């Protein structure tokens, strides 16, 4: 386990950045697919116009061969980009789950810290026995409730859920950083070492999307 504040905060920032970077790459690939598909559609229309045109047979044949070869090449490129898109979706899934784990670690450190702060305040006006009974209600105190957010849901075949969560991570992280900086005393941060290890990007084929994977929720 790692309990160094700066190490955990740095790893979380880098993890959120990795999600953002891969989302941007996915958008770029999706734009390329759209552009190619639109171009293929235009070429198909041009083929119809060519066949109905006034060129002689030899000219039409030469033009059609070149046009259809161009269409085949661009369809092949679409296929390659589709595979890249699916691989990026898988990568975003795992990066988002990892980022969510780290966001949860920071969030939990703040929650635990604020629970203790609330209990310390209660101890100034209540007997210790009463404070012990009231501890379970500290999670409903306003300082703790201010940290609450909707849990992120990750299911491998439902990339829309992962994408939605991934796009919200920066806002959640910025809010947690502001909360960390606002604390008068230092929260106790802790996270498994494996969450902080660098992510090695690899070129792999898309996973079997028939299998479901449930990501962690903070």
C-alpha atoms as a PDB file:
ATOM      1  CA  UNK A   1       0.000   0.000   0.000  1.00  0.00           C
ATOM      2  CA  UNK A   2       1.081   3.587  -0.710  1.00  0.00           C
ATOM      3  CA  UNK A   3       0.217   6.301   1.810  1.00  0.00           C
ATOM      4  CA  UNK A   4       2.096   9.256   0.336  1.00  0.00           C
ATOM      5  CA  UNK A   5      -0.295  12.120  -0.485  1.00  0.00           C
ATOM      6  CA  UNK A   6       1.612  13.642  -3.390  1.00  0.00           C
ATOM      7  CA  UNK A   7       2.290  10.273  -5.010  1.00  0.00           C
ATOM      8  CA  UNK A   8      -1.395   9.387  -4.953  1.00  0.00           C
ATOM      9  CA  UNK A   9      -2.537  12.818  -6.162  1.00  0.00           C
ATOM     10  CA  UNK A  10       0.009  12.800  -9.003  1.00  0.00           C
ATOM     11  CA  UNK A  11      -0.989   9.283 -10.057  1.00  0.00           C
ATOM     12  CA  UNK A  12      -4.664  10.276 -10.071  1.00  0.00           C
ATOM     13  CA  UNK A  13      -4.007  13.347 -12.208  1.00  0.00           C
ATOM     14  CA  UNK A  14      -1.983  11.280 -14.679  1.00  0.00           C
ATOM     15  CA  UNK A  15      -4.688   8.629 -14.761  1.00  0.00           C
ATOM     16  CA  UNK A  16      -7.404  11.167 -15.554  1.00  0.00           C
ATOM     17  CA  UNK A  17      -5.156  12.681 -18.241  1.00  0.00           C
ATOM     18  CA  UNK A  18      -4.715   9.236 -19.813  1.00  0.00           C
ATOM     19  CA  UNK A  19      -8.486   8.838 -20.026  1.00  0.00           C
ATOM     20  CA  UNK A  20      -8.820  12.273 -21.640  1.00  0.00           C
ATOM     21  CA  UNK A  21      -6.034  11.584 -24.124  1.00  0.00           C
ATOM     22  CA  UNK A  22      -7.539   8.266 -25.212  1.00  0.00           C
ATOM     23  CA  UNK A  23     -10.990   9.816 -25.535  1.00  0.00           C
ATOM     24  CA  UNK A  24      -9.469  12.424 -27.855  1.00  0.00           C
ATOM     25  CA  UNK A  25      -7.828   9.671 -29.912  1.00  0.00           C
ATOM     26  CA  UNK A  26     -11.176   7.884 -30.149  1.00  0.00           C
ATOM     27  CA  UNK A  27     -12.877  11.054 -31.377  1.00  0.00           C
ATOM     28  CA  UNK A  28     -10.173  11.486 -34.018  1.00  0.00           C
ATOM     29  CA  UNK A  29     -10.617   7.908 -35.261  1.00  0.00           C
ATOM     30  CA  UNK A  30     -14.412   8.245 -35.326  1.00  0.00           C
ATOM     31  CA  UNK A  31     -14.076  11.443 -37.384  1.00  0.00           C
ATOM     32  CA  UNK A  32     -11.817   9.634 -39.855  1.00  0.00           C
ATOM     33  CA  UNK A  33     -14.351   6.819 -40.209  1.00  0.00           C
ATOM     34  CA  UNK A  34     -17.167   9.299 -40.817  1.00  0.00           C
ATOM     35  CA  UNK A  35     -15.105  11.195 -43.376  1.00  0.00           C
ATOM     36  CA  UNK A  36     -14.197   8.019 -45.258  1.00  0.00           C
ATOM     37  CA  UNK A  37     -17.774   6.717 -45.233  1.00  0.00           C
ATOM     38  CA  UNK A  38     -19.059  10.023 -46.586  1.00  0.00           C
ATOM     39  CA  UNK A  39     -16.383   9.950 -49.274  1.00  0.00           C
ATOM     40  CA  UNK A  40     -17.292   6.373 -50.248  1.00  0.00           C
ATOM     41  CA  UNK A  41     -20.934   7.434 -50.520  1.00  0.00           C
ATOM     42  CA  UNK A  42     -19.935  10.317 -52.814  1.00  0.00           C
ATOM     43  CA  UNK A  43     -17.885   7.967 -54.973  1.00  0.00           C
ATOM     44  CA  UNK A  44     -20.849   5.615 -55.275  1.00  0.00           C
ATOM     45  CA  UNK A  45     -22.962   8.504 -56.518  1.00  0.00           C
ATOM     46  CA  UNK A  46     -20.202   9.476 -58.933  1.00  0.00           C
ATOM     47  CA  UNK A  47     -20.169   5.889 -60.254  1.00  0.00           C
ATOM     48  CA  UNK A  48     -23.866   6.096 -61.063  1.00  0.00           C
ATOM     49  CA  UNK A  49     -23.317   9.385 -62.847  1.00  0.00           C
ATOM     50  CA  UNK A  50     -20.357   7.917 -64.732  1.00  0.00           C
ATOM     51  CA  UNK A  51     -22.395   4.955 -65.966  1.00  0.00           C
ATOM     52  CA  UNK A  52     -25.115   7.292 -67.172  1.00  0.00           C
ATOM     53  CA  UNK A  53     -22.622   9.633 -68.819  1.00  0.00           C
ATOM     54  CA  UNK A  54     -21.607  10.136 -72.445  1.00  0.00           C
ATOM     55  CA  UNK A  55     -18.100   8.614 -72.303  1.00  0.00           C
ATOM     56  CA  UNK A  56     -17.378   5.714 -74.614  1.00  0.00           C
ATOM     57  CA  UNK A  57     -17.041   2.179 -73.264  1.00  0.00           C
ATOM     58  CA  UNK A  58     -13.253   2.262 -73.020  1.00  0.00           C
ATOM     59  CA  UNK A  59     -13.240   5.561 -71.138  1.00  0.00           C
ATOM     60  CA  UNK A  60     -15.990   4.370 -68.792  1.00  0.00           C
ATOM     61  CA  UNK A  61     -14.171   1.103 -68.104  1.00  0.00           C
ATOM     62  CA  UNK A  62     -10.913   2.895 -67.302  1.00  0.00           C
ATOM     63  CA  UNK A  63     -12.671   5.409 -65.051  1.00  0.00           C
ATOM     64  CA  UNK A  64     -14.707   2.707 -63.298  1.00  0.00           C
ATOM     65  CA  UNK A  65     -11.670   0.556 -62.592  1.00  0.00           C
ATOM     66  CA  UNK A  66      -9.881   3.477 -60.952  1.00  0.00           C
ATOM     67  CA  UNK A  67     -12.997   4.564 -59.065  1.00  0.00           C
ATOM     68  CA  UNK A  68     -13.828   1.103 -57.742  1.00  0.00           C
ATOM     69  CA  UNK A  69     -10.213   0.499 -56.742  1.00  0.00           C
ATOM     70  CA  UNK A  70     -10.316   3.764 -54.801  1.00  0.00           C
ATOM     71  CA  UNK A  71     -13.545   2.676 -53.088  1.00  0.00           C
ATOM     72  CA  UNK A  72     -12.013  -0.696 -52.156  1.00  0.00           C
ATOM     73  CA  UNK A  73      -8.950   0.984 -50.654  1.00  0.00           C
ATOM     74  CA  UNK A  74     -11.054   3.383 -48.631  1.00  0.00           C
ATOM     75  CA  UNK A  75     -13.351   0.601 -47.429  1.00  0.00           C
ATOM     76  CA  UNK A  76     -10.245  -1.262 -46.306  1.00  0.00           C
ATOM     77  CA  UNK A  77      -9.108   1.835 -44.421  1.00  0.00           C
ATOM     78  CA  UNK A  78     -12.529   2.078 -42.768  1.00  0.00           C
ATOM     79  CA  UNK A  79     -12.131  -1.516 -41.596  1.00  0.00           C
ATOM     80  CA  UNK A  80      -8.739  -0.720 -40.069  1.00  0.00           C
ATOM     81  CA  UNK A  81     -10.090   2.343 -38.293  1.00  0.00           C
ATOM     82  CA  UNK A  82     -13.079   0.350 -36.980  1.00  0.00           C
ATOM     83  CA  UNK A  83     -10.679  -2.139 -35.378  1.00  0.00           C
ATOM     84  CA  UNK A  84      -8.674   0.744 -33.931  1.00  0.00           C
ATOM     85  CA  UNK A  85     -11.872   2.303 -32.596  1.00  0.00           C
ATOM     86  CA  UNK A  86     -12.872  -0.908 -30.805  1.00  0.00           C
ATOM     87  CA  UNK A  87      -9.377  -1.291 -29.337  1.00  0.00           C
ATOM     88  CA  UNK A  88      -9.517   2.298 -28.066  1.00  0.00           C
ATOM     89  CA  UNK A  89     -12.908   1.637 -26.468  1.00  0.00           C
ATOM     90  CA  UNK A  90     -11.404  -1.310 -24.594  1.00  0.00           C
ATOM     91  CA  UNK A  91      -8.448   0.823 -23.529  1.00  0.00           C
ATOM     92  CA  UNK A  92     -10.728   3.601 -22.295  1.00  0.00           C
ATOM     93  CA  UNK A  93     -12.690   1.036 -20.283  1.00  0.00           C
ATOM     94  CA  UNK A  94      -9.620  -0.143 -18.366  1.00  0.00           C
ATOM     95  CA  UNK A  95      -8.138   3.354 -18.014  1.00  0.00           C
ATOM     96  CA  UNK A  96     -11.460   4.680 -16.712  1.00  0.00           C
ATOM     97  CA  UNK A  97     -11.803   1.875 -14.156  1.00  0.00           C
ATOM     98  CA  UNK A  98      -8.239   2.545 -12.970  1.00  0.00           C
ATOM     99  CA  UNK A  99      -8.886   6.308 -12.754  1.00  0.00           C
ATOM    100  CA  UNK A 100     -12.110   5.658 -10.872  1.00  0.00           C
ATOM    101  CA  UNK A 101     -10.232   3.528  -8.333  1.00  0.00           C
ATOM    102  CA  UNK A 102      -7.818   6.389  -7.673  1.00  0.00           C
ATOM    103  CA  UNK A 103     -10.600   8.971  -7.537  1.00  0.00           C
ATOM    104  CA  UNK A 104     -12.307   6.710  -5.017  1.00  0.00           C
ATOM    105  CA  UNK A 105      -9.148   6.495  -2.908  1.00  0.00           C
ATOM    106  CA  UNK A 106      -8.863  10.283  -2.724  1.00  0.00           C
ATOM    107  CA  UNK A 107     -12.582  10.628  -2.113  1.00  0.00           C
ATOM    108  CA  UNK A 108     -12.495   8.055   0.697  1.00  0.00           C
ATOM    109  CA  UNK A 109      -9.546   9.816   2.336  1.00  0.00           C
ATOM    110  CA  UNK A 110     -11.537  13.044   2.379  1.00  0.00           C
ATOM    111  CA  UNK A 111     -14.691  11.333   3.648  1.00  0.00           C
ATOM    112  CA  UNK A 112     -12.835   9.598   6.493  1.00  0.00           C
ATOM    113  CA  UNK A 113     -11.096  12.842   7.381  1.00  0.00           C
ATOM    114  CA  UNK A 114     -14.342  14.803   7.470  1.00  0.00           C
ATOM    115  CA  UNK A 115     -16.089  12.126   9.507  1.00  0.00           C
ATOM    116  CA  UNK A 116     -13.335  12.457  12.118  1.00  0.00           C
ATOM    117  CA  UNK A 117     -13.609  16.246  12.011  1.00  0.00           C
ATOM    118  CA  UNK A 118     -17.365  16.064  12.595  1.00  0.00           C
ATOM    119  CA  UNK A 119     -16.910  13.584  15.462  1.00  0.00           C
ATOM    120  CA  UNK A 120     -14.257  15.819  17.031  1.00  0.00           C
ATOM    121  CA  UNK A 121     -16.679  18.725  16.923  1.00  0.00           C
ATOM    122  CA  UNK A 122     -19.400  16.591  18.488  1.00  0.00           C
ATOM    123  CA  UNK A 123     -17.015  15.527  21.253  1.00  0.00           C
ATOM    124  CA  UNK A 124     -16.819  19.133  22.337  1.00  0.00           C
ATOM    125  CA  UNK A 125     -20.496  19.137  23.344  1.00  0.00           C
ATOM    126  CA  UNK A 126     -21.421  15.482  23.859  1.00  0.00           C
ATOM    127  CA  UNK A 127     -20.285  12.667  26.104  1.00  0.00           C
ATOM    128  CA  UNK A 128     -17.902  10.185  24.333  1.00  0.00           C
ATOM    129  CA  UNK A 129     -20.528   7.433  24.641  1.00  0.00           C
ATOM    130  CA  UNK A 130     -23.009   9.595  22.709  1.00  0.00           C
ATOM    131  CA  UNK A 131     -20.403  10.507  20.082  1.00  0.00           C
ATOM    132  CA  UNK A 132     -19.754   6.806  19.469  1.00  0.00           C
ATOM    133  CA  UNK A 133     -23.464   6.284  18.809  1.00  0.00           C
ATOM    134  CA  UNK A 134     -23.636   9.316  16.533  1.00  0.00           C
ATOM    135  CA  UNK A 135     -20.582   8.325  14.470  1.00  0.00           C
ATOM    136  CA  UNK A 136     -22.698   6.260  12.090  1.00  0.00           C
ATOM    137  CA  UNK A 137     -24.630   9.411  11.203  1.00  0.00           C
ATOM    138  CA  UNK A 138     -21.497  11.439  10.424  1.00  0.00           C
ATOM    139  CA  UNK A 139     -21.652  10.284   6.795  1.00  0.00           C
ATOM    140  CA  UNK A 140     -24.868  12.293   6.510  1.00  0.00           C
ATOM    141  CA  UNK A 141     -23.264  15.497   7.778  1.00  0.00           C
ATOM    142  CA  UNK A 142     -23.056  18.419   5.357  1.00  0.00           C
ATOM    143  CA  UNK A 143     -19.227  18.387   5.056  1.00  0.00           C
ATOM    144  CA  UNK A 144     -19.336  14.717   4.008  1.00  0.00           C
ATOM    145  CA  UNK A 145     -22.418  15.023   1.804  1.00  0.00           C
ATOM    146  CA  UNK A 146     -20.642  17.803  -0.111  1.00  0.00           C
ATOM    147  CA  UNK A 147     -18.276  15.135  -1.468  1.00  0.00           C
ATOM    148  CA  UNK A 148     -21.003  12.804  -2.703  1.00  0.00           C
ATOM    149  CA  UNK A 149     -21.414  12.052  -6.416  1.00  0.00           C
ATOM    150  CA  UNK A 150     -23.227   9.579  -8.592  1.00  0.00           C
ATOM    151  CA  UNK A 151     -21.176   6.353  -8.845  1.00  0.00           C
ATOM    152  CA  UNK A 152     -19.650   5.584 -12.222  1.00  0.00           C
ATOM    153  CA  UNK A 153     -20.843   2.379 -13.889  1.00  0.00           C
ATOM    154  CA  UNK A 154     -18.632   0.342 -16.221  1.00  0.00           C
ATOM    155  CA  UNK A 155     -19.961  -2.573 -18.300  1.00  0.00           C
ATOM    156  CA  UNK A 156     -17.774  -3.729 -21.180  1.00  0.00           C
ATOM    157  CA  UNK A 157     -20.444  -4.144 -23.898  1.00  0.00           C
ATOM    158  CA  UNK A 158     -22.102  -0.849 -22.848  1.00  0.00           C
ATOM    159  CA  UNK A 159     -19.404   1.576 -23.888  1.00  0.00           C
ATOM    160  CA  UNK A 160     -21.885   4.451 -23.652  1.00  0.00           C
ATOM    161  CA  UNK A 161     -21.814   4.028 -19.852  1.00  0.00           C
ATOM    162  CA  UNK A 162     -18.014   4.020 -19.766  1.00  0.00           C
ATOM    163  CA  UNK A 163     -17.792   7.006 -22.129  1.00  0.00           C
ATOM    164  CA  UNK A 164     -20.271   8.976 -20.035  1.00  0.00           C
ATOM    165  CA  UNK A 165     -18.272   8.284 -16.883  1.00  0.00           C
ATOM    166  CA  UNK A 166     -14.939   8.989 -18.598  1.00  0.00           C
ATOM    167  CA  UNK A 167     -16.110  12.408 -19.751  1.00  0.00           C
ATOM    168  CA  UNK A 168     -17.158  13.366 -16.199  1.00  0.00           C
ATOM    169  CA  UNK A 169     -13.895  12.370 -14.512  1.00  0.00           C
ATOM    170  CA  UNK A 170     -12.110  15.699 -14.971  1.00  0.00           C
ATOM    171  CA  UNK A 171     -14.920  17.621 -13.258  1.00  0.00           C
ATOM    172  CA  UNK A 172     -15.002  15.122 -10.372  1.00  0.00           C
ATOM    173  CA  UNK A 173     -11.227  15.267 -10.017  1.00  0.00           C
ATOM    174  CA  UNK A 174     -11.101  19.074 -10.042  1.00  0.00           C
ATOM    175  CA  UNK A 175     -13.715  19.122  -7.281  1.00  0.00           C
ATOM    176  CA  UNK A 176     -11.746  16.622  -5.187  1.00  0.00           C
ATOM    177  CA  UNK A 177      -8.516  18.598  -5.623  1.00  0.00           C
ATOM    178  CA  UNK A 178     -10.299  21.737  -4.444  1.00  0.00           C
ATOM    179  CA  UNK A 179     -11.592  19.790  -1.417  1.00  0.00           C
ATOM    180  CA  UNK A 180      -8.102  18.487  -0.593  1.00  0.00           C
ATOM    181  CA  UNK A 181      -6.694  22.017  -0.738  1.00  0.00           C
ATOM    182  CA  UNK A 182      -9.463  23.349   1.503  1.00  0.00           C
ATOM    183  CA  UNK A 183      -8.807  20.950   4.392  1.00  0.00           C
ATOM    184  CA  UNK A 184      -7.193  22.605   7.404  1.00  0.00           C
ATOM    185  CA  UNK A 185      -5.477  19.370   8.418  1.00  0.00           C
ATOM    186  CA  UNK A 186      -4.039  16.573   6.301  1.00  0.00           C
ATOM    187  CA  UNK A 187      -6.289  13.621   5.327  1.00  0.00           C
ATOM    188  CA  UNK A 188      -4.696  10.170   5.420  1.00  0.00           C
ATOM    189  CA  UNK A 189      -4.300   8.966   1.822  1.00  0.00           C
ATOM    190  CA  UNK A 190      -3.802   5.308   0.986  1.00  0.00           C
ATOM    191  CA  UNK A 191      -3.977   3.276  -2.250  1.00  0.00           C
ATOM    192  CA  UNK A 192      -2.700  -0.120  -3.446  1.00  0.00           C
ATOM    193  CA  UNK A 193       0.681   0.137  -5.147  1.00  0.00           C
ATOM    194  CA  UNK A 194      -0.621  -1.548  -8.309  1.00  0.00           C
ATOM    195  CA  UNK A 195      -2.975   1.401  -8.949  1.00  0.00           C
ATOM    196  CA  UNK A 196       0.002   3.738  -9.122  1.00  0.00           C
ATOM    197  CA  UNK A 197       2.143   1.728 -11.515  1.00  0.00           C
ATOM    198  CA  UNK A 198       2.599   3.225 -15.019  1.00  0.00           C
ATOM    199  CA  UNK A 199       0.198   2.001 -17.677  1.00  0.00           C
ATOM    200  CA  UNK A 200       1.972   0.347 -20.598  1.00  0.00           C
ATOM    201  CA  UNK A 201       0.028   0.866 -23.797  1.00  0.00           C
ATOM    202  CA  UNK A 202      -0.070  -2.156 -26.067  1.00  0.00           C
ATOM    203  CA  UNK A 203      -1.526  -2.826 -29.489  1.00  0.00           C
ATOM    204  CA  UNK A 204      -4.060  -5.579 -28.948  1.00  0.00           C
ATOM    205  CA  UNK A 205      -7.132  -6.768 -30.794  1.00  0.00           C
ATOM    206  CA  UNK A 206     -10.481  -5.690 -29.356  1.00  0.00           C
ATOM    207  CA  UNK A 207     -11.821  -7.896 -26.607  1.00  0.00           C
ATOM    208  CA  UNK A 208     -14.794 -10.206 -26.965  1.00  0.00           C
ATOM    209  CA  UNK A 209     -17.671  -7.831 -26.252  1.00  0.00           C
ATOM    210  CA  UNK A 210     -20.004 -10.663 -25.327  1.00  0.00           C
ATOM    211  CA  UNK A 211     -18.248 -10.873 -21.943  1.00  0.00           C
ATOM    212  CA  UNK A 212     -19.292  -8.350 -19.290  1.00  0.00           C
ATOM    213  CA  UNK A 213     -16.913  -6.742 -16.849  1.00  0.00           C
ATOM    214  CA  UNK A 214     -18.123  -4.723 -13.889  1.00  0.00           C
ATOM    215  CA  UNK A 215     -15.841  -1.832 -12.929  1.00  0.00           C
ATOM    216  CA  UNK A 216     -15.355  -0.744  -9.337  1.00  0.00           C
ATOM    217  CA  UNK A 217     -17.473   2.002  -7.892  1.00  0.00           C
ATOM    218  CA  UNK A 218     -16.223   4.404  -5.291  1.00  0.00           C
END
